[in-house]
Amino acid sequence: MTKVELVEAIAQGCCSKKEANDTVDAVLDTITKALAKGQEVVLTGFGKFSVSKRAARMGVNPRTGEKIKIA
């Protein structure tokens, strides 16, 4: 499901597409800001959002074949 499809589904049940879009944007913005601060977001019965750090590794740029470090 895309964001547009999510907004349309929400709008069918309660409000205008603009209100649904504004609500989805607010939720996503709030989650993004919490993650940027290093916080974990837990929505019981749905899932958990968190940032995990991984060690850098070597990869290959598929366009150029150049070896690159992936952080």
PDB file of N, CA and C in Angstrom:
ATOM      1  N   MET A   1       0.857  -1.174   0.000  1.00  0.00           N
ATOM      2  CA  MET A   1       0.000   0.000   0.000  1.00  0.00           C
ATOM      3  C   MET A   1       0.900   1.231   0.000  1.00  0.00           C
ATOM      4  N   THR A   2       0.612   2.151  -0.884  1.00  0.00           N
ATOM      5  CA  THR A   2       1.367   3.400  -0.943  1.00  0.00           C
ATOM      6  C   THR A   2       0.745   4.430  -0.007  1.00  0.00           C
ATOM      7  N   LYS A   3       1.454   5.539   0.170  1.00  0.00           N
ATOM      8  CA  LYS A   3       0.919   6.610   1.017  1.00  0.00           C
ATOM      9  C   LYS A   3      -0.397   7.132   0.437  1.00  0.00           C
ATOM     10  N   VAL A   4      -0.464   7.286  -0.865  1.00  0.00           N
ATOM     11  CA  VAL A   4      -1.688   7.778  -1.511  1.00  0.00           C
ATOM     12  C   VAL A   4      -2.853   6.830  -1.240  1.00  0.00           C
ATOM     13  N   GLU A   5      -2.603   5.527  -1.354  1.00  0.00           N
ATOM     14  CA  GLU A   5      -3.649   4.537  -1.085  1.00  0.00           C
ATOM     15  C   GLU A   5      -4.075   4.567   0.379  1.00  0.00           C
ATOM     16  N   LEU A   6      -3.117   4.757   1.274  1.00  0.00           N
ATOM     17  CA  LEU A   6      -3.430   4.857   2.697  1.00  0.00           C
ATOM     18  C   LEU A   6      -4.310   6.068   2.975  1.00  0.00           C
ATOM     19  N   VAL A   7      -3.953   7.202   2.406  1.00  0.00           N
ATOM     20  CA  VAL A   7      -4.739   8.430   2.583  1.00  0.00           C
ATOM     21  C   VAL A   7      -6.155   8.226   2.059  1.00  0.00           C
ATOM     22  N   GLU A   8      -6.295   7.620   0.892  1.00  0.00           N
ATOM     23  CA  GLU A   8      -7.626   7.380   0.321  1.00  0.00           C
ATOM     24  C   GLU A   8      -8.457   6.457   1.207  1.00  0.00           C
ATOM     25  N   ALA A   9      -7.830   5.419   1.752  1.00  0.00           N
ATOM     26  CA  ALA A   9      -8.551   4.485   2.625  1.00  0.00           C
ATOM     27  C   ALA A   9      -9.016   5.178   3.898  1.00  0.00           C
ATOM     28  N   ILE A  10      -8.173   6.013   4.474  1.00  0.00           N
ATOM     29  CA  ILE A  10      -8.549   6.747   5.684  1.00  0.00           C
ATOM     30  C   ILE A  10      -9.671   7.725   5.373  1.00  0.00           C
ATOM     31  N   ALA A  11      -9.557   8.426   4.257  1.00  0.00           N
ATOM     32  CA  ALA A  11     -10.557   9.433   3.886  1.00  0.00           C
ATOM     33  C   ALA A  11     -11.934   8.812   3.679  1.00  0.00           C
ATOM     34  N   GLN A  12     -11.994   7.600   3.164  1.00  0.00           N
ATOM     35  CA  GLN A  12     -13.285   6.938   2.944  1.00  0.00           C
ATOM     36  C   GLN A  12     -14.037   6.732   4.244  1.00  0.00           C
ATOM     37  N   GLY A  13     -13.312   6.506   5.312  1.00  0.00           N
ATOM     38  CA  GLY A  13     -13.962   6.190   6.573  1.00  0.00           C
ATOM     39  C   GLY A  13     -14.277   7.364   7.469  1.00  0.00           C
ATOM     40  N   CYS A  14     -13.642   8.534   7.232  1.00  0.00           N
ATOM     41  CA  CYS A  14     -13.846   9.567   8.249  1.00  0.00           C
ATOM     42  C   CYS A  14     -13.822  11.012   7.795  1.00  0.00           C
ATOM     43  N   CYS A  15     -13.086  11.338   6.762  1.00  0.00           N
ATOM     44  CA  CYS A  15     -12.846  12.764   6.524  1.00  0.00           C
ATOM     45  C   CYS A  15     -12.450  13.018   5.073  1.00  0.00           C
ATOM     46  N   SER A  16     -12.087  14.250   4.797  1.00  0.00           N
ATOM     47  CA  SER A  16     -11.666  14.600   3.439  1.00  0.00           C
ATOM     48  C   SER A  16     -10.259  14.058   3.178  1.00  0.00           C
ATOM     49  N   LYS A  17      -9.887  13.983   1.895  1.00  0.00           N
ATOM     50  CA  LYS A  17      -8.551  13.512   1.543  1.00  0.00           C
ATOM     51  C   LYS A  17      -7.484  14.445   2.107  1.00  0.00           C
ATOM     52  N   LYS A  18      -7.759  15.744   2.113  1.00  0.00           N
ATOM     53  CA  LYS A  18      -6.791  16.706   2.645  1.00  0.00           C
ATOM     54  C   LYS A  18      -6.566  16.478   4.131  1.00  0.00           C
ATOM     55  N   GLU A  19      -7.651  16.283   4.876  1.00  0.00           N
ATOM     56  CA  GLU A  19      -7.516  16.034   6.316  1.00  0.00           C
ATOM     57  C   GLU A  19      -6.778  14.721   6.572  1.00  0.00           C
ATOM     58  N   ALA A  20      -7.098  13.702   5.793  1.00  0.00           N
ATOM     59  CA  ALA A  20      -6.428  12.411   5.941  1.00  0.00           C
ATOM     60  C   ALA A  20      -4.946  12.540   5.605  1.00  0.00           C
ATOM     61  N   ASN A  21      -4.631  13.262   4.537  1.00  0.00           N
ATOM     62  CA  ASN A  21      -3.238  13.465   4.137  1.00  0.00           C
ATOM     63  C   ASN A  21      -2.474  14.238   5.207  1.00  0.00           C
ATOM     64  N   ASP A  22      -3.088  15.285   5.745  1.00  0.00           N
ATOM     65  CA  ASP A  22      -2.446  16.074   6.805  1.00  0.00           C
ATOM     66  C   ASP A  22      -2.177  15.213   8.034  1.00  0.00           C
ATOM     67  N   THR A  23      -3.109  14.335   8.360  1.00  0.00           N
ATOM     68  CA  THR A  23      -2.951  13.449   9.513  1.00  0.00           C
ATOM     69  C   THR A  23      -1.820  12.454   9.288  1.00  0.00           C
ATOM     70  N   VAL A  24      -1.788  11.838   8.114  1.00  0.00           N
ATOM     71  CA  VAL A  24      -0.723  10.885   7.796  1.00  0.00           C
ATOM     72  C   VAL A  24       0.628  11.596   7.819  1.00  0.00           C
ATOM     73  N   ASP A  25       0.698  12.788   7.232  1.00  0.00           N
ATOM     74  CA  ASP A  25       1.942  13.563   7.245  1.00  0.00           C
ATOM     75  C   ASP A  25       2.393  13.861   8.670  1.00  0.00           C
ATOM     76  N   ALA A  26       1.454  14.236   9.535  1.00  0.00           N
ATOM     77  CA  ALA A  26       1.785  14.553  10.927  1.00  0.00           C
ATOM     78  C   ALA A  26       2.318  13.322  11.658  1.00  0.00           C
ATOM     79  N   VAL A  27       1.690  12.180  11.443  1.00  0.00           N
ATOM     80  CA  VAL A  27       2.136  10.941  12.091  1.00  0.00           C
ATOM     81  C   VAL A  27       3.541  10.572  11.614  1.00  0.00           C
ATOM     82  N   LEU A  28       3.753  10.592  10.304  1.00  0.00           N
ATOM     83  CA  LEU A  28       5.060  10.230   9.760  1.00  0.00           C
ATOM     84  C   LEU A  28       6.140  11.211  10.198  1.00  0.00           C
ATOM     85  N   ASP A  29       5.807  12.496  10.243  1.00  0.00           N
ATOM     86  CA  ASP A  29       6.759  13.515  10.678  1.00  0.00           C
ATOM     87  C   ASP A  29       7.143  13.304  12.141  1.00  0.00           C
ATOM     88  N   THR A  30       6.170  12.984  12.967  1.00  0.00           N
ATOM     89  CA  THR A  30       6.424  12.746  14.388  1.00  0.00           C
ATOM     90  C   THR A  30       7.313  11.520  14.586  1.00  0.00           C
ATOM     91  N   ILE A  31       7.039  10.455  13.850  1.00  0.00           N
ATOM     92  CA  ILE A  31       7.863   9.247  13.933  1.00  0.00           C
ATOM     93  C   ILE A  31       9.287   9.552  13.470  1.00  0.00           C
ATOM     94  N   THR A  32       9.421  10.276  12.364  1.00  0.00           N
ATOM     95  CA  THR A  32      10.736  10.625  11.824  1.00  0.00           C
ATOM     96  C   THR A  32      11.548  11.440  12.817  1.00  0.00           C
ATOM     97  N   LYS A  33      10.909  12.424  13.447  1.00  0.00           N
ATOM     98  CA  LYS A  33      11.612  13.265  14.426  1.00  0.00           C
ATOM     99  C   LYS A  33      12.062  12.454  15.636  1.00  0.00           C
ATOM    100  N   ALA A  34      11.218  11.542  16.106  1.00  0.00           N
ATOM    101  CA  ALA A  34      11.579  10.698  17.249  1.00  0.00           C
ATOM    102  C   ALA A  34      12.775   9.812  16.894  1.00  0.00           C
ATOM    103  N   LEU A  35      12.764   9.225  15.715  1.00  0.00           N
ATOM    104  CA  LEU A  35      13.871   8.374  15.288  1.00  0.00           C
ATOM    105  C   LEU A  35      15.158   9.176  15.144  1.00  0.00           C
ATOM    106  N   ALA A  36      15.054  10.405  14.637  1.00  0.00           N
ATOM    107  CA  ALA A  36      16.229  11.267  14.487  1.00  0.00           C
ATOM    108  C   ALA A  36      16.852  11.597  15.839  1.00  0.00           C
ATOM    109  N   LYS A  37      16.038  11.615  16.895  1.00  0.00           N
ATOM    110  CA  LYS A  37      16.530  11.875  18.254  1.00  0.00           C
ATOM    111  C   LYS A  37      17.060  10.604  18.919  1.00  0.00           C
ATOM    112  N   GLY A  38      16.990   9.485  18.216  1.00  0.00           N
ATOM    113  CA  GLY A  38      17.459   8.223  18.768  1.00  0.00           C
ATOM    114  C   GLY A  38      16.415   7.487  19.582  1.00  0.00           C
ATOM    115  N   GLN A  39      15.183   7.969  19.546  1.00  0.00           N
ATOM    116  CA  GLN A  39      14.109   7.328  20.297  1.00  0.00           C
ATOM    117  C   GLN A  39      13.515   6.166  19.500  1.00  0.00           C
ATOM    118  N   GLU A  40      12.860   5.288  20.212  1.00  0.00           N
ATOM    119  CA  GLU A  40      12.156   4.162  19.620  1.00  0.00           C
ATOM    120  C   GLU A  40      10.663   4.493  19.637  1.00  0.00           C
ATOM    121  N   VAL A  41       9.945   4.134  18.587  1.00  0.00           N
ATOM    122  CA  VAL A  41       8.501   4.364  18.526  1.00  0.00           C
ATOM    123  C   VAL A  41       7.812   3.005  18.516  1.00  0.00           C
ATOM    124  N   VAL A  42       6.988   2.754  19.530  1.00  0.00           N
ATOM    125  CA  VAL A  42       6.293   1.473  19.652  1.00  0.00           C
ATOM    126  C   VAL A  42       4.795   1.712  19.535  1.00  0.00           C
ATOM    127  N   LEU A  43       4.171   1.063  18.568  1.00  0.00           N
ATOM    128  CA  LEU A  43       2.724   1.119  18.387  1.00  0.00           C
ATOM    129  C   LEU A  43       2.203  -0.286  18.685  1.00  0.00           C
ATOM    130  N   THR A  44       1.729  -0.480  19.895  1.00  0.00           N
ATOM    131  CA  THR A  44       1.290  -1.796  20.346  1.00  0.00           C
ATOM    132  C   THR A  44       0.257  -2.382  19.385  1.00  0.00           C
ATOM    133  N   GLY A  45       0.466  -3.620  19.010  1.00  0.00           N
ATOM    134  CA  GLY A  45      -0.428  -4.297  18.087  1.00  0.00           C
ATOM    135  C   GLY A  45      -0.111  -4.020  16.628  1.00  0.00           C
ATOM    136  N   PHE A  46       0.863  -3.146  16.378  1.00  0.00           N
ATOM    137  CA  PHE A  46       1.224  -2.811  15.001  1.00  0.00           C
ATOM    138  C   PHE A  46       2.690  -3.100  14.725  1.00  0.00           C
ATOM    139  N   GLY A  47       3.575  -2.469  15.496  1.00  0.00           N
ATOM    140  CA  GLY A  47       4.996  -2.678  15.263  1.00  0.00           C
ATOM    141  C   GLY A  47       5.853  -1.687  16.011  1.00  0.00           C
ATOM    142  N   LYS A  48       7.158  -1.801  15.752  1.00  0.00           N
ATOM    143  CA  LYS A  48       8.130  -0.947  16.418  1.00  0.00           C
ATOM    144  C   LYS A  48       9.042  -0.325  15.370  1.00  0.00           C
ATOM    145  N   PHE A  49       9.282   0.976  15.500  1.00  0.00           N
ATOM    146  CA  PHE A  49      10.211   1.680  14.634  1.00  0.00           C
ATOM    147  C   PHE A  49      11.446   2.005  15.463  1.00  0.00           C
ATOM    148  N   SER A  50      12.620   1.689  14.931  1.00  0.00           N
ATOM    149  CA  SER A  50      13.854   2.036  15.620  1.00  0.00           C
ATOM    150  C   SER A  50      14.973   2.142  14.591  1.00  0.00           C
ATOM    151  N   VAL A  51      16.022   2.842  14.978  1.00  0.00           N
ATOM    152  CA  VAL A  51      17.187   2.981  14.120  1.00  0.00           C
ATOM    153  C   VAL A  51      18.241   2.016  14.628  1.00  0.00           C
ATOM    154  N   SER A  52      18.814   1.259  13.729  1.00  0.00           N
ATOM    155  CA  SER A  52      19.890   0.354  14.129  1.00  0.00           C
ATOM    156  C   SER A  52      21.150   0.733  13.359  1.00  0.00           C
ATOM    157  N   LYS A  53      22.242   0.754  14.069  1.00  0.00           N
ATOM    158  CA  LYS A  53      23.534   1.099  13.463  1.00  0.00           C
ATOM    159  C   LYS A  53      24.205  -0.187  13.002  1.00  0.00           C
ATOM    160  N   ARG A  54      24.804  -0.120  11.837  1.00  0.00           N
ATOM    161  CA  ARG A  54      25.536  -1.260  11.298  1.00  0.00           C
ATOM    162  C   ARG A  54      26.941  -0.806  10.930  1.00  0.00           C
ATOM    163  N   ALA A  55      27.852  -1.728  10.973  1.00  0.00           N
ATOM    164  CA  ALA A  55      29.218  -1.419  10.564  1.00  0.00           C
ATOM    165  C   ALA A  55      29.251  -1.182   9.058  1.00  0.00           C
ATOM    166  N   ALA A  56      30.140  -0.296   8.640  1.00  0.00           N
ATOM    167  CA  ALA A  56      30.293  -0.025   7.211  1.00  0.00           C
ATOM    168  C   ALA A  56      30.798  -1.285   6.517  1.00  0.00           C
ATOM    169  N   ARG A  57      30.446  -1.420   5.242  1.00  0.00           N
ATOM    170  CA  ARG A  57      30.905  -2.575   4.468  1.00  0.00           C
ATOM    171  C   ARG A  57      31.241  -2.121   3.059  1.00  0.00           C
ATOM    172  N   MET A  58      31.976  -2.925   2.361  1.00  0.00           N
ATOM    173  CA  MET A  58      32.350  -2.593   0.993  1.00  0.00           C
ATOM    174  C   MET A  58      31.283  -3.127   0.033  1.00  0.00           C
ATOM    175  N   GLY A  59      31.031  -2.354  -1.002  1.00  0.00           N
ATOM    176  CA  GLY A  59      30.082  -2.741  -2.027  1.00  0.00           C
ATOM    177  C   GLY A  59      30.583  -2.278  -3.381  1.00  0.00           C
ATOM    178  N   VAL A  60      29.787  -2.488  -4.398  1.00  0.00           N
ATOM    179  CA  VAL A  60      30.161  -2.102  -5.755  1.00  0.00           C
ATOM    180  C   VAL A  60      29.052  -1.248  -6.347  1.00  0.00           C
ATOM    181  N   ASN A  61      29.427  -0.103  -6.913  1.00  0.00           N
ATOM    182  CA  ASN A  61      28.477   0.746  -7.618  1.00  0.00           C
ATOM    183  C   ASN A  61      28.059  -0.002  -8.881  1.00  0.00           C
ATOM    184  N   PRO A  62      26.762  -0.344  -9.020  1.00  0.00           N
ATOM    185  CA  PRO A  62      26.338  -1.143 -10.176  1.00  0.00           C
ATOM    186  C   PRO A  62      26.498  -0.427 -11.513  1.00  0.00           C
ATOM    187  N   ARG A  63      26.523   0.891 -11.498  1.00  0.00           N
ATOM    188  CA  ARG A  63      26.670   1.633 -12.762  1.00  0.00           C
ATOM    189  C   ARG A  63      28.113   1.685 -13.236  1.00  0.00           C
ATOM    190  N   THR A  64      29.036   1.874 -12.280  1.00  0.00           N
ATOM    191  CA  THR A  64      30.431   2.086 -12.667  1.00  0.00           C
ATOM    192  C   THR A  64      31.343   0.914 -12.360  1.00  0.00           C
ATOM    193  N   GLY A  65      30.907   0.008 -11.492  1.00  0.00           N
ATOM    194  CA  GLY A  65      31.759  -1.101 -11.083  1.00  0.00           C
ATOM    195  C   GLY A  65      32.779  -0.697 -10.027  1.00  0.00           C
ATOM    196  N   GLU A  66      32.755   0.575  -9.633  1.00  0.00           N
ATOM    197  CA  GLU A  66      33.695   1.100  -8.641  1.00  0.00           C
ATOM    198  C   GLU A  66      33.373   0.543  -7.255  1.00  0.00           C
ATOM    199  N   LYS A  67      34.430   0.180  -6.505  1.00  0.00           N
ATOM    200  CA  LYS A  67      34.231  -0.275  -5.132  1.00  0.00           C
ATOM    201  C   LYS A  67      33.941   0.945  -4.265  1.00  0.00           C
ATOM    202  N   ILE A  68      32.915   0.815  -3.408  1.00  0.00           N
ATOM    203  CA  ILE A  68      32.526   1.919  -2.539  1.00  0.00           C
ATOM    204  C   ILE A  68      32.274   1.404  -1.131  1.00  0.00           C
ATOM    205  N   LYS A  69      32.402   2.313  -0.160  1.00  0.00           N
ATOM    206  CA  LYS A  69      32.115   1.977   1.228  1.00  0.00           C
ATOM    207  C   LYS A  69      30.657   2.322   1.500  1.00  0.00           C
ATOM    208  N   ILE A  70      29.896   1.351   1.982  1.00  0.00           N
ATOM    209  CA  ILE A  70      28.483   1.550   2.292  1.00  0.00           C
ATOM    210  C   ILE A  70      28.366   1.686   3.798  1.00  0.00           C
ATOM    211  N   ALA A  71      27.902   2.852   4.240  1.00  0.00           N
ATOM    212  CA  ALA A  71      27.804   3.113   5.683  1.00  0.00           C
ATOM    213  C   ALA A  71      26.436   2.772   6.203  1.00  0.00           C
TER     214      ALA A  71
END
